[in-house]
Amino acid sequence: MRTLGFTNGMDLQRDDMIFPDKFKIGRTPYVVQYKAKLACGSYGRVWPLAGVMHIELRKPKDMNVTFWHEATHAILHDMNSPLWKDEKFVTAFSTRLAKMVDSAKFKES
């Protein structure tokens, strides 16, 4: 479980939502940095060539959607797809992906 410090000074812990610090897409390792506020005015940003993703600290459910949105940009960039810059496509796809991941149920072994 990951503890996230929010701007209101509270720590929010969620057993059902885990946020990564690192991941890999293709050959590119990424580091995820969680920020109180992003200067760009958006909730997330990804730099595929640098392997860096920024996510603004907000409600975990909102951060989850933002993470999958930025990950979709990064995946499409890795695929050399021009869609990686298409916000309308990335939003439509990543919203569905986030809902699918959030609704997934696993059998306990």
C-alpha atoms as a PDB file:
ATOM      1  CA  MET A   1       0.000   0.000   0.000  1.00  0.00           C
ATOM      2  CA  ARG A   2       1.241   3.478  -0.871  1.00  0.00           C
ATOM      3  CA  THR A   3       0.631   6.490   1.348  1.00  0.00           C
ATOM      4  CA  LEU A   4       0.160   9.767  -0.472  1.00  0.00           C
ATOM      5  CA  GLY A   5       0.524  13.135   1.258  1.00  0.00           C
ATOM      6  CA  PHE A   6      -2.156  15.570   0.146  1.00  0.00           C
ATOM      7  CA  THR A   7      -1.969  19.354   0.083  1.00  0.00           C
ATOM      8  CA  ASN A   8      -4.447  19.580   2.956  1.00  0.00           C
ATOM      9  CA  GLY A   9      -1.858  17.864   5.174  1.00  0.00           C
ATOM     10  CA  MET A  10      -3.737  14.578   5.403  1.00  0.00           C
ATOM     11  CA  ASP A  11      -2.345  11.234   4.358  1.00  0.00           C
ATOM     12  CA  LEU A  12      -4.754   9.070   2.444  1.00  0.00           C
ATOM     13  CA  GLN A  13      -4.328   5.314   2.443  1.00  0.00           C
ATOM     14  CA  ARG A  14      -6.244   3.030   0.130  1.00  0.00           C
ATOM     15  CA  ASP A  15      -5.918  -0.751   0.192  1.00  0.00           C
ATOM     16  CA  ASP A  16      -7.750  -1.041  -3.134  1.00  0.00           C
ATOM     17  CA  MET A  17      -5.766   1.482  -5.192  1.00  0.00           C
ATOM     18  CA  ILE A  18      -2.023   1.178  -5.693  1.00  0.00           C
ATOM     19  CA  PHE A  19       0.053   3.819  -7.455  1.00  0.00           C
ATOM     20  CA  PRO A  20       3.427   2.878  -8.963  1.00  0.00           C
ATOM     21  CA  ASP A  21       6.700   4.708  -8.497  1.00  0.00           C
ATOM     22  CA  LYS A  22       8.277   3.025 -11.526  1.00  0.00           C
ATOM     23  CA  PHE A  23       7.222   0.985 -14.548  1.00  0.00           C
ATOM     24  CA  LYS A  24       8.515   0.080 -17.987  1.00  0.00           C
ATOM     25  CA  ILE A  25       6.985   0.463 -21.451  1.00  0.00           C
ATOM     26  CA  GLY A  26       8.951  -1.313 -24.147  1.00  0.00           C
ATOM     27  CA  ARG A  27      12.585  -0.523 -23.429  1.00  0.00           C
ATOM     28  CA  THR A  28      11.845   2.742 -21.624  1.00  0.00           C
ATOM     29  CA  PRO A  29      11.872   2.755 -17.824  1.00  0.00           C
ATOM     30  CA  TYR A  30       9.596   5.403 -16.317  1.00  0.00           C
ATOM     31  CA  VAL A  31       9.651   7.083 -12.950  1.00  0.00           C
ATOM     32  CA  VAL A  32       6.415   8.540 -11.567  1.00  0.00           C
ATOM     33  CA  GLN A  33       6.620  11.701  -9.499  1.00  0.00           C
ATOM     34  CA  TYR A  34       3.619  12.811  -7.450  1.00  0.00           C
ATOM     35  CA  LYS A  35       3.343  16.590  -7.137  1.00  0.00           C
ATOM     36  CA  ALA A  36       1.136  18.812  -4.994  1.00  0.00           C
ATOM     37  CA  LYS A  37       0.388  21.015  -8.024  1.00  0.00           C
ATOM     38  CA  LEU A  38       1.527  20.902 -11.639  1.00  0.00           C
ATOM     39  CA  ALA A  39       2.644  24.170 -13.214  1.00  0.00           C
ATOM     40  CA  CYS A  40       1.237  23.211 -16.632  1.00  0.00           C
ATOM     41  CA  GLY A  41      -2.366  23.499 -15.421  1.00  0.00           C
ATOM     42  CA  SER A  42      -3.196  19.851 -16.084  1.00  0.00           C
ATOM     43  CA  TYR A  43      -3.474  16.891 -13.699  1.00  0.00           C
ATOM     44  CA  GLY A  44      -0.726  14.849 -15.332  1.00  0.00           C
ATOM     45  CA  ARG A  45       2.122  15.042 -17.815  1.00  0.00           C
ATOM     46  CA  VAL A  46       4.411  12.513 -19.448  1.00  0.00           C
ATOM     47  CA  TRP A  47       7.773  12.922 -21.156  1.00  0.00           C
ATOM     48  CA  PRO A  48       8.319   9.661 -23.067  1.00  0.00           C
ATOM     49  CA  LEU A  49      11.885  10.423 -24.169  1.00  0.00           C
ATOM     50  CA  ALA A  50      12.916  11.216 -20.583  1.00  0.00           C
ATOM     51  CA  GLY A  51      10.865   8.389 -19.023  1.00  0.00           C
ATOM     52  CA  VAL A  52       9.164  10.730 -16.555  1.00  0.00           C
ATOM     53  CA  MET A  53       5.518  11.018 -15.558  1.00  0.00           C
ATOM     54  CA  HIS A  54       4.089  13.650 -13.203  1.00  0.00           C
ATOM     55  CA  ILE A  55       0.748  13.101 -11.473  1.00  0.00           C
ATOM     56  CA  GLU A  56      -0.940  15.796  -9.386  1.00  0.00           C
ATOM     57  CA  LEU A  57      -2.010  14.683  -5.912  1.00  0.00           C
ATOM     58  CA  ARG A  58      -5.811  14.536  -5.807  1.00  0.00           C
ATOM     59  CA  LYS A  59      -8.484  12.011  -4.886  1.00  0.00           C
ATOM     60  CA  PRO A  60      -7.138   8.490  -5.568  1.00  0.00           C
ATOM     61  CA  LYS A  61      -9.901   7.722  -8.091  1.00  0.00           C
ATOM     62  CA  ASP A  62      -9.059  10.884 -10.059  1.00  0.00           C
ATOM     63  CA  MET A  63      -5.336  10.136  -9.879  1.00  0.00           C
ATOM     64  CA  ASN A  64      -6.049   6.640 -11.205  1.00  0.00           C
ATOM     65  CA  VAL A  65      -7.754   8.076 -14.309  1.00  0.00           C
ATOM     66  CA  THR A  66      -4.876  10.525 -14.787  1.00  0.00           C
ATOM     67  CA  PHE A  67      -2.262   7.765 -14.442  1.00  0.00           C
ATOM     68  CA  TRP A  68      -3.923   5.643 -17.149  1.00  0.00           C
ATOM     69  CA  HIS A  69      -4.334   8.714 -19.359  1.00  0.00           C
ATOM     70  CA  GLU A  70      -0.618   9.510 -19.186  1.00  0.00           C
ATOM     71  CA  ALA A  71       0.297   5.820 -19.550  1.00  0.00           C
ATOM     72  CA  THR A  72      -1.793   5.702 -22.744  1.00  0.00           C
ATOM     73  CA  HIS A  73       0.212   8.624 -24.142  1.00  0.00           C
ATOM     74  CA  ALA A  74       3.431   6.776 -23.285  1.00  0.00           C
ATOM     75  CA  ILE A  75       2.277   3.446 -24.788  1.00  0.00           C
ATOM     76  CA  LEU A  76       1.188   5.094 -28.030  1.00  0.00           C
ATOM     77  CA  HIS A  77       4.505   6.962 -28.192  1.00  0.00           C
ATOM     78  CA  ASP A  78       6.334   3.642 -27.757  1.00  0.00           C
ATOM     79  CA  MET A  79       4.280   2.249 -30.667  1.00  0.00           C
ATOM     80  CA  ASN A  80       5.295   5.240 -32.837  1.00  0.00           C
ATOM     81  CA  SER A  81       1.621   6.041 -33.232  1.00  0.00           C
ATOM     82  CA  PRO A  82       0.613   9.600 -34.155  1.00  0.00           C
ATOM     83  CA  LEU A  83      -2.327   9.090 -31.774  1.00  0.00           C
ATOM     84  CA  TRP A  84       0.008   9.687 -28.833  1.00  0.00           C
ATOM     85  CA  LYS A  85      -0.668  13.430 -29.199  1.00  0.00           C
ATOM     86  CA  ASP A  86      -4.414  13.054 -29.868  1.00  0.00           C
ATOM     87  CA  GLU A  87      -6.054  14.145 -26.597  1.00  0.00           C
ATOM     88  CA  LYS A  88      -9.549  13.155 -27.720  1.00  0.00           C
ATOM     89  CA  PHE A  89      -8.461   9.589 -28.538  1.00  0.00           C
ATOM     90  CA  VAL A  90      -6.223   9.255 -25.457  1.00  0.00           C
ATOM     91  CA  THR A  91      -9.014  10.473 -23.171  1.00  0.00           C
ATOM     92  CA  ALA A  92     -11.621   8.146 -24.705  1.00  0.00           C
ATOM     93  CA  PHE A  93      -9.317   5.121 -24.544  1.00  0.00           C
ATOM     94  CA  SER A  94      -7.779   5.772 -21.120  1.00  0.00           C
ATOM     95  CA  THR A  95     -11.151   6.462 -19.477  1.00  0.00           C
ATOM     96  CA  ARG A  96     -12.352   3.038 -20.584  1.00  0.00           C
ATOM     97  CA  LEU A  97      -9.051   1.432 -19.551  1.00  0.00           C
ATOM     98  CA  ALA A  98      -9.190   2.991 -16.071  1.00  0.00           C
ATOM     99  CA  LYS A  99     -12.773   1.769 -15.586  1.00  0.00           C
ATOM    100  CA  MET A 100     -11.829  -1.744 -16.726  1.00  0.00           C
ATOM    101  CA  VAL A 101      -8.808  -1.906 -14.407  1.00  0.00           C
ATOM    102  CA  ASP A 102     -10.850  -0.482 -11.513  1.00  0.00           C
ATOM    103  CA  SER A 103     -13.593  -3.081 -12.005  1.00  0.00           C
ATOM    104  CA  ALA A 104     -11.236  -6.079 -12.323  1.00  0.00           C
ATOM    105  CA  LYS A 105     -11.733  -8.847  -9.784  1.00  0.00           C
ATOM    106  CA  PHE A 106      -9.081 -11.464  -9.025  1.00  0.00           C
ATOM    107  CA  LYS A 107      -9.484 -14.866  -7.450  1.00  0.00           C
ATOM    108  CA  GLU A 108      -7.489 -15.371  -4.307  1.00  0.00           C
ATOM    109  CA  SER A 109      -5.028 -18.234  -4.605  1.00  0.00           C
END
